[in-house]
Amino acid sequence: MSKKLPRPERRAQLLDVASAIVREEGTDALTLGSLAERAGVSKPIAYSHFESRSGLMIALSKAAMDRQVAALAAALENAPQEPEQVARILSSAYLECALTIGPEWHAIDAALRGDATMEAHQRRTRQDHAAFYAAAIQPLSKLDSKVVQRRCVGLIGTMEALSAEVMEGGMPLDVAVDDLVALIRKWLIEG
């Protein structure tokens, strides 16, 4: 058994171990029991942090999204409010974050499908992410805010598809970034 850690540190450790399991063995191998065993804690500790496998998968997804939003917010903070700059930052940060998290991000996303609780989480996450993008783009856009918000939902889907393509080696990162910049400028900023 591992040493006693404060609850937030233990949760972070469990999420790191869960990510490693998904990366190395896939989402099917990730259970609260396998997590507890690999992390060197008892099953009740794993259950006290996540309650269920769905709760664990949602926590993994949320942790990935939180890292992505933090990276985007930091990148946008000091950026000039110019269409090309904002579009490039949004595109680069999304794709680079996806690459940093690795292929387990898409595996976790796929594992979240099929369960009502997990699908509700995915929908909220997609809406929150689209709202974040819309807030960054709206000051530069000629479009109505409702149109920008709606199109940002489509942008998130495009970004997910391009990040998978880059991770699978089907497209170079710089090409994906350039394509996203063009899409953001033409579809969301210039309208």
C-alpha atoms as a PDB file:
ATOM      1  CA  MET A   1       0.000   0.000   0.000  1.00  0.00           C
ATOM      2  CA  SER A   2       1.184   3.519  -0.693  1.00  0.00           C
ATOM      3  CA  LYS A   3       1.627   6.157   1.980  1.00  0.00           C
ATOM      4  CA  LYS A   4      -1.282   8.296   3.108  1.00  0.00           C
ATOM      5  CA  LEU A   5      -1.664  11.427   0.999  1.00  0.00           C
ATOM      6  CA  PRO A   6      -3.952  14.407   1.422  1.00  0.00           C
ATOM      7  CA  ARG A   7      -7.181  13.831  -0.537  1.00  0.00           C
ATOM      8  CA  PRO A   8      -6.418  16.261  -3.433  1.00  0.00           C
ATOM      9  CA  GLU A   9      -2.949  14.772  -3.901  1.00  0.00           C
ATOM     10  CA  ARG A  10      -4.321  11.220  -3.820  1.00  0.00           C
ATOM     11  CA  ARG A  11      -6.959  12.123  -6.423  1.00  0.00           C
ATOM     12  CA  ALA A  12      -4.282  13.642  -8.684  1.00  0.00           C
ATOM     13  CA  GLN A  13      -2.141  10.518  -8.259  1.00  0.00           C
ATOM     14  CA  LEU A  14      -5.087   8.260  -9.099  1.00  0.00           C
ATOM     15  CA  LEU A  15      -5.880  10.296 -12.221  1.00  0.00           C
ATOM     16  CA  ASP A  16      -2.233  10.056 -13.333  1.00  0.00           C
ATOM     17  CA  VAL A  17      -2.261   6.286 -12.831  1.00  0.00           C
ATOM     18  CA  ALA A  18      -5.621   5.997 -14.631  1.00  0.00           C
ATOM     19  CA  SER A  19      -4.223   7.950 -17.597  1.00  0.00           C
ATOM     20  CA  ALA A  20      -1.234   5.622 -17.718  1.00  0.00           C
ATOM     21  CA  ILE A  21      -3.500   2.558 -17.725  1.00  0.00           C
ATOM     22  CA  VAL A  22      -5.551   3.957 -20.602  1.00  0.00           C
ATOM     23  CA  ARG A  23      -2.416   4.934 -22.546  1.00  0.00           C
ATOM     24  CA  GLU A  24      -0.765   1.529 -22.071  1.00  0.00           C
ATOM     25  CA  GLU A  25      -3.706  -0.889 -22.057  1.00  0.00           C
ATOM     26  CA  GLY A  26      -6.791   0.969 -23.319  1.00  0.00           C
ATOM     27  CA  THR A  27      -9.985   2.032 -21.626  1.00  0.00           C
ATOM     28  CA  ASP A  28     -11.326  -1.511 -21.279  1.00  0.00           C
ATOM     29  CA  ALA A  29      -8.497  -2.267 -18.827  1.00  0.00           C
ATOM     30  CA  LEU A  30      -9.435   0.664 -16.599  1.00  0.00           C
ATOM     31  CA  THR A  31     -11.620  -0.308 -13.669  1.00  0.00           C
ATOM     32  CA  LEU A  32     -11.614   1.034 -10.146  1.00  0.00           C
ATOM     33  CA  GLY A  33     -10.118  -2.285  -9.057  1.00  0.00           C
ATOM     34  CA  SER A  34      -7.263  -2.152 -11.581  1.00  0.00           C
ATOM     35  CA  LEU A  35      -6.677   1.486 -10.671  1.00  0.00           C
ATOM     36  CA  ALA A  36      -6.496   0.706  -6.956  1.00  0.00           C
ATOM     37  CA  GLU A  37      -4.125  -2.199  -7.528  1.00  0.00           C
ATOM     38  CA  ARG A  38      -1.764  -0.255  -9.771  1.00  0.00           C
ATOM     39  CA  ALA A  39      -1.833   2.832  -7.528  1.00  0.00           C
ATOM     40  CA  GLY A  40      -1.143   0.708  -4.459  1.00  0.00           C
ATOM     41  CA  VAL A  41      -4.308   1.715  -2.610  1.00  0.00           C
ATOM     42  CA  SER A  42      -7.376  -0.179  -1.459  1.00  0.00           C
ATOM     43  CA  LYS A  43     -10.498  -0.380  -3.626  1.00  0.00           C
ATOM     44  CA  PRO A  44     -12.489   1.672  -1.085  1.00  0.00           C
ATOM     45  CA  ILE A  45     -10.044   4.547  -1.576  1.00  0.00           C
ATOM     46  CA  ALA A  46     -10.517   4.454  -5.347  1.00  0.00           C
ATOM     47  CA  TYR A  47     -14.303   4.258  -4.912  1.00  0.00           C
ATOM     48  CA  SER A  48     -14.297   7.150  -2.434  1.00  0.00           C
ATOM     49  CA  HIS A  49     -12.722   9.379  -5.086  1.00  0.00           C
ATOM     50  CA  PHE A  50     -14.767   8.344  -8.145  1.00  0.00           C
ATOM     51  CA  GLU A  51     -17.768   6.231  -6.958  1.00  0.00           C
ATOM     52  CA  SER A  52     -17.968   4.337 -10.267  1.00  0.00           C
ATOM     53  CA  ARG A  53     -16.115   3.637 -13.486  1.00  0.00           C
ATOM     54  CA  SER A  54     -18.266   6.298 -15.135  1.00  0.00           C
ATOM     55  CA  GLY A  55     -17.207   8.765 -12.453  1.00  0.00           C
ATOM     56  CA  LEU A  56     -13.567   7.911 -13.101  1.00  0.00           C
ATOM     57  CA  MET A  57     -13.912   8.339 -16.871  1.00  0.00           C
ATOM     58  CA  ILE A  58     -15.687  11.666 -16.378  1.00  0.00           C
ATOM     59  CA  ALA A  59     -12.937  12.806 -13.994  1.00  0.00           C
ATOM     60  CA  LEU A  60     -10.286  11.884 -16.583  1.00  0.00           C
ATOM     61  CA  SER A  61     -12.143  13.789 -19.280  1.00  0.00           C
ATOM     62  CA  LYS A  62     -12.619  16.812 -17.025  1.00  0.00           C
ATOM     63  CA  ALA A  63      -8.949  16.860 -16.048  1.00  0.00           C
ATOM     64  CA  ALA A  64      -7.936  16.861 -19.726  1.00  0.00           C
ATOM     65  CA  MET A  65     -10.384  19.656 -20.561  1.00  0.00           C
ATOM     66  CA  ASP A  66      -9.290  21.710 -17.559  1.00  0.00           C
ATOM     67  CA  ARG A  67      -5.661  21.492 -18.714  1.00  0.00           C
ATOM     68  CA  GLN A  68      -6.669  22.518 -22.195  1.00  0.00           C
ATOM     69  CA  VAL A  69      -8.735  25.497 -21.068  1.00  0.00           C
ATOM     70  CA  ALA A  70      -5.947  26.648 -18.728  1.00  0.00           C
ATOM     71  CA  ALA A  71      -3.416  26.462 -21.574  1.00  0.00           C
ATOM     72  CA  LEU A  72      -5.739  28.409 -23.879  1.00  0.00           C
ATOM     73  CA  ALA A  73      -6.505  31.070 -21.288  1.00  0.00           C
ATOM     74  CA  ALA A  74      -2.809  31.553 -20.568  1.00  0.00           C
ATOM     75  CA  ALA A  75      -1.969  31.801 -24.257  1.00  0.00           C
ATOM     76  CA  LEU A  76      -4.745  34.324 -24.912  1.00  0.00           C
ATOM     77  CA  GLU A  77      -4.017  36.467 -21.869  1.00  0.00           C
ATOM     78  CA  ASN A  78      -1.178  38.490 -23.374  1.00  0.00           C
ATOM     79  CA  ALA A  79      -1.976  38.019 -27.053  1.00  0.00           C
ATOM     80  CA  PRO A  80      -2.827  40.974 -29.257  1.00  0.00           C
ATOM     81  CA  GLN A  81      -6.497  41.032 -30.176  1.00  0.00           C
ATOM     82  CA  GLU A  82      -5.887  40.509 -33.883  1.00  0.00           C
ATOM     83  CA  PRO A  83      -7.843  37.906 -35.881  1.00  0.00           C
ATOM     84  CA  GLU A  84      -4.794  36.004 -37.134  1.00  0.00           C
ATOM     85  CA  GLN A  85      -3.159  35.886 -33.692  1.00  0.00           C
ATOM     86  CA  VAL A  86      -6.269  34.768 -31.829  1.00  0.00           C
ATOM     87  CA  ALA A  87      -7.131  32.151 -34.467  1.00  0.00           C
ATOM     88  CA  ARG A  88      -3.560  30.791 -34.397  1.00  0.00           C
ATOM     89  CA  ILE A  89      -3.451  30.658 -30.601  1.00  0.00           C
ATOM     90  CA  LEU A  90      -6.802  28.863 -30.390  1.00  0.00           C
ATOM     91  CA  SER A  91      -5.769  26.379 -33.071  1.00  0.00           C
ATOM     92  CA  SER A  92      -2.242  25.727 -31.805  1.00  0.00           C
ATOM     93  CA  ALA A  93      -3.192  25.453 -28.146  1.00  0.00           C
ATOM     94  CA  TYR A  94      -5.995  22.974 -28.846  1.00  0.00           C
ATOM     95  CA  LEU A  95      -3.908  20.696 -31.050  1.00  0.00           C
ATOM     96  CA  GLU A  96      -0.775  20.889 -28.910  1.00  0.00           C
ATOM     97  CA  CYS A  97      -2.801  20.114 -25.801  1.00  0.00           C
ATOM     98  CA  ALA A  98      -4.360  17.119 -27.548  1.00  0.00           C
ATOM     99  CA  LEU A  99      -0.900  15.876 -28.517  1.00  0.00           C
ATOM    100  CA  THR A 100       0.402  16.410 -24.983  1.00  0.00           C
ATOM    101  CA  ILE A 101      -2.472  14.452 -23.468  1.00  0.00           C
ATOM    102  CA  GLY A 102      -1.983  11.795 -26.101  1.00  0.00           C
ATOM    103  CA  PRO A 103      -4.199   9.219 -27.763  1.00  0.00           C
ATOM    104  CA  GLU A 104      -5.856   8.342 -24.464  1.00  0.00           C
ATOM    105  CA  TRP A 105      -7.872  11.562 -24.812  1.00  0.00           C
ATOM    106  CA  HIS A 106      -9.761  10.131 -27.786  1.00  0.00           C
ATOM    107  CA  ALA A 107     -10.016   6.731 -26.113  1.00  0.00           C
ATOM    108  CA  ILE A 108     -11.570   8.312 -23.022  1.00  0.00           C
ATOM    109  CA  ASP A 109     -13.925  10.322 -25.212  1.00  0.00           C
ATOM    110  CA  ALA A 110     -15.028   7.138 -26.971  1.00  0.00           C
ATOM    111  CA  ALA A 111     -15.493   5.341 -23.654  1.00  0.00           C
ATOM    112  CA  LEU A 112     -17.813   8.113 -22.491  1.00  0.00           C
ATOM    113  CA  ARG A 113     -20.330   7.275 -25.214  1.00  0.00           C
ATOM    114  CA  GLY A 114     -23.229   4.988 -24.440  1.00  0.00           C
ATOM    115  CA  ASP A 115     -23.865   5.892 -20.799  1.00  0.00           C
ATOM    116  CA  ALA A 116     -26.426   8.634 -20.118  1.00  0.00           C
ATOM    117  CA  THR A 117     -24.390  10.234 -17.316  1.00  0.00           C
ATOM    118  CA  MET A 118     -21.239  10.248 -19.381  1.00  0.00           C
ATOM    119  CA  GLU A 119     -23.006  11.545 -22.484  1.00  0.00           C
ATOM    120  CA  ALA A 120     -24.513  14.386 -20.434  1.00  0.00           C
ATOM    121  CA  HIS A 121     -21.000  15.220 -19.245  1.00  0.00           C
ATOM    122  CA  GLN A 122     -19.718  15.236 -22.831  1.00  0.00           C
ATOM    123  CA  ARG A 123     -22.496  17.572 -23.910  1.00  0.00           C
ATOM    124  CA  ARG A 124     -21.793  19.998 -21.040  1.00  0.00           C
ATOM    125  CA  THR A 125     -18.089  19.879 -21.810  1.00  0.00           C
ATOM    126  CA  ARG A 126     -18.675  20.555 -25.501  1.00  0.00           C
ATOM    127  CA  GLN A 127     -20.997  23.469 -24.674  1.00  0.00           C
ATOM    128  CA  ASP A 128     -18.544  24.935 -22.141  1.00  0.00           C
ATOM    129  CA  HIS A 129     -15.669  24.581 -24.565  1.00  0.00           C
ATOM    130  CA  ALA A 130     -17.666  26.191 -27.379  1.00  0.00           C
ATOM    131  CA  ALA A 131     -18.606  29.055 -25.040  1.00  0.00           C
ATOM    132  CA  PHE A 132     -14.922  29.589 -24.203  1.00  0.00           C
ATOM    133  CA  TYR A 133     -14.032  29.765 -27.890  1.00  0.00           C
ATOM    134  CA  ALA A 134     -16.995  32.019 -28.654  1.00  0.00           C
ATOM    135  CA  ALA A 135     -15.922  34.439 -25.921  1.00  0.00           C
ATOM    136  CA  ALA A 136     -12.434  34.655 -27.451  1.00  0.00           C
ATOM    137  CA  ILE A 137     -13.711  35.029 -31.022  1.00  0.00           C
ATOM    138  CA  GLN A 138     -16.794  37.229 -30.584  1.00  0.00           C
ATOM    139  CA  PRO A 139     -14.936  40.551 -30.073  1.00  0.00           C
ATOM    140  CA  LEU A 140     -13.275  40.017 -33.467  1.00  0.00           C
ATOM    141  CA  SER A 141     -16.285  38.657 -35.354  1.00  0.00           C
ATOM    142  CA  LYS A 142     -18.788  40.360 -37.634  1.00  0.00           C
ATOM    143  CA  LEU A 143     -21.377  37.716 -36.778  1.00  0.00           C
ATOM    144  CA  ASP A 144     -24.162  37.697 -34.209  1.00  0.00           C
ATOM    145  CA  SER A 145     -23.143  36.098 -30.913  1.00  0.00           C
ATOM    146  CA  LYS A 146     -25.657  33.239 -31.341  1.00  0.00           C
ATOM    147  CA  VAL A 147     -24.150  32.372 -34.717  1.00  0.00           C
ATOM    148  CA  VAL A 148     -20.621  32.446 -33.289  1.00  0.00           C
ATOM    149  CA  GLN A 149     -21.675  30.208 -30.376  1.00  0.00           C
ATOM    150  CA  ARG A 150     -23.380  27.729 -32.707  1.00  0.00           C
ATOM    151  CA  ARG A 151     -20.456  27.618 -35.105  1.00  0.00           C
ATOM    152  CA  CYS A 152     -18.027  27.115 -32.238  1.00  0.00           C
ATOM    153  CA  VAL A 153     -19.782  23.826 -31.495  1.00  0.00           C
ATOM    154  CA  GLY A 154     -18.927  22.781 -35.057  1.00  0.00           C
ATOM    155  CA  LEU A 155     -15.399  24.077 -34.600  1.00  0.00           C
ATOM    156  CA  ILE A 156     -14.914  21.821 -31.564  1.00  0.00           C
ATOM    157  CA  GLY A 157     -15.952  18.798 -33.638  1.00  0.00           C
ATOM    158  CA  THR A 158     -13.528  19.803 -36.386  1.00  0.00           C
ATOM    159  CA  MET A 159     -10.721  20.274 -33.865  1.00  0.00           C
ATOM    160  CA  GLU A 160     -11.381  16.835 -32.372  1.00  0.00           C
ATOM    161  CA  ALA A 161     -11.238  15.230 -35.826  1.00  0.00           C
ATOM    162  CA  LEU A 162      -8.053  17.064 -36.824  1.00  0.00           C
ATOM    163  CA  SER A 163      -6.341  16.259 -33.521  1.00  0.00           C
ATOM    164  CA  ALA A 164      -7.093  12.560 -34.059  1.00  0.00           C
ATOM    165  CA  GLU A 165      -5.697  12.805 -37.590  1.00  0.00           C
ATOM    166  CA  VAL A 166      -2.492  14.457 -36.327  1.00  0.00           C
ATOM    167  CA  MET A 167      -2.074  11.878 -33.534  1.00  0.00           C
ATOM    168  CA  GLU A 168      -2.532   9.013 -35.996  1.00  0.00           C
ATOM    169  CA  GLY A 169       0.109  10.482 -38.305  1.00  0.00           C
ATOM    170  CA  GLY A 170      -2.307  11.346 -41.104  1.00  0.00           C
ATOM    171  CA  MET A 171      -1.567  15.058 -41.056  1.00  0.00           C
ATOM    172  CA  PRO A 172       1.343  17.214 -39.883  1.00  0.00           C
ATOM    173  CA  LEU A 173       0.621  19.499 -36.923  1.00  0.00           C
ATOM    174  CA  ASP A 174       1.486  22.705 -38.813  1.00  0.00           C
ATOM    175  CA  VAL A 175      -0.941  21.834 -41.624  1.00  0.00           C
ATOM    176  CA  ALA A 176      -3.745  21.156 -39.132  1.00  0.00           C
ATOM    177  CA  VAL A 177      -3.044  24.464 -37.367  1.00  0.00           C
ATOM    178  CA  ASP A 178      -3.069  26.373 -40.675  1.00  0.00           C
ATOM    179  CA  ASP A 179      -6.350  24.727 -41.710  1.00  0.00           C
ATOM    180  CA  LEU A 180      -7.976  25.591 -38.384  1.00  0.00           C
ATOM    181  CA  VAL A 181      -6.733  29.188 -38.576  1.00  0.00           C
ATOM    182  CA  ALA A 182      -8.288  29.518 -42.049  1.00  0.00           C
ATOM    183  CA  LEU A 183     -11.556  28.001 -40.832  1.00  0.00           C
ATOM    184  CA  ILE A 184     -11.764  30.274 -37.791  1.00  0.00           C
ATOM    185  CA  ARG A 185     -11.002  33.376 -39.838  1.00  0.00           C
ATOM    186  CA  LYS A 186     -13.380  32.628 -42.712  1.00  0.00           C
ATOM    187  CA  TRP A 187     -16.256  30.975 -40.860  1.00  0.00           C
ATOM    188  CA  LEU A 188     -16.207  32.705 -37.479  1.00  0.00           C
ATOM    189  CA  ILE A 189     -14.454  36.045 -37.777  1.00  0.00           C
ATOM    190  CA  GLU A 190     -15.115  37.254 -41.300  1.00  0.00           C
ATOM    191  CA  GLY A 191     -18.452  35.445 -41.527  1.00  0.00           C
END
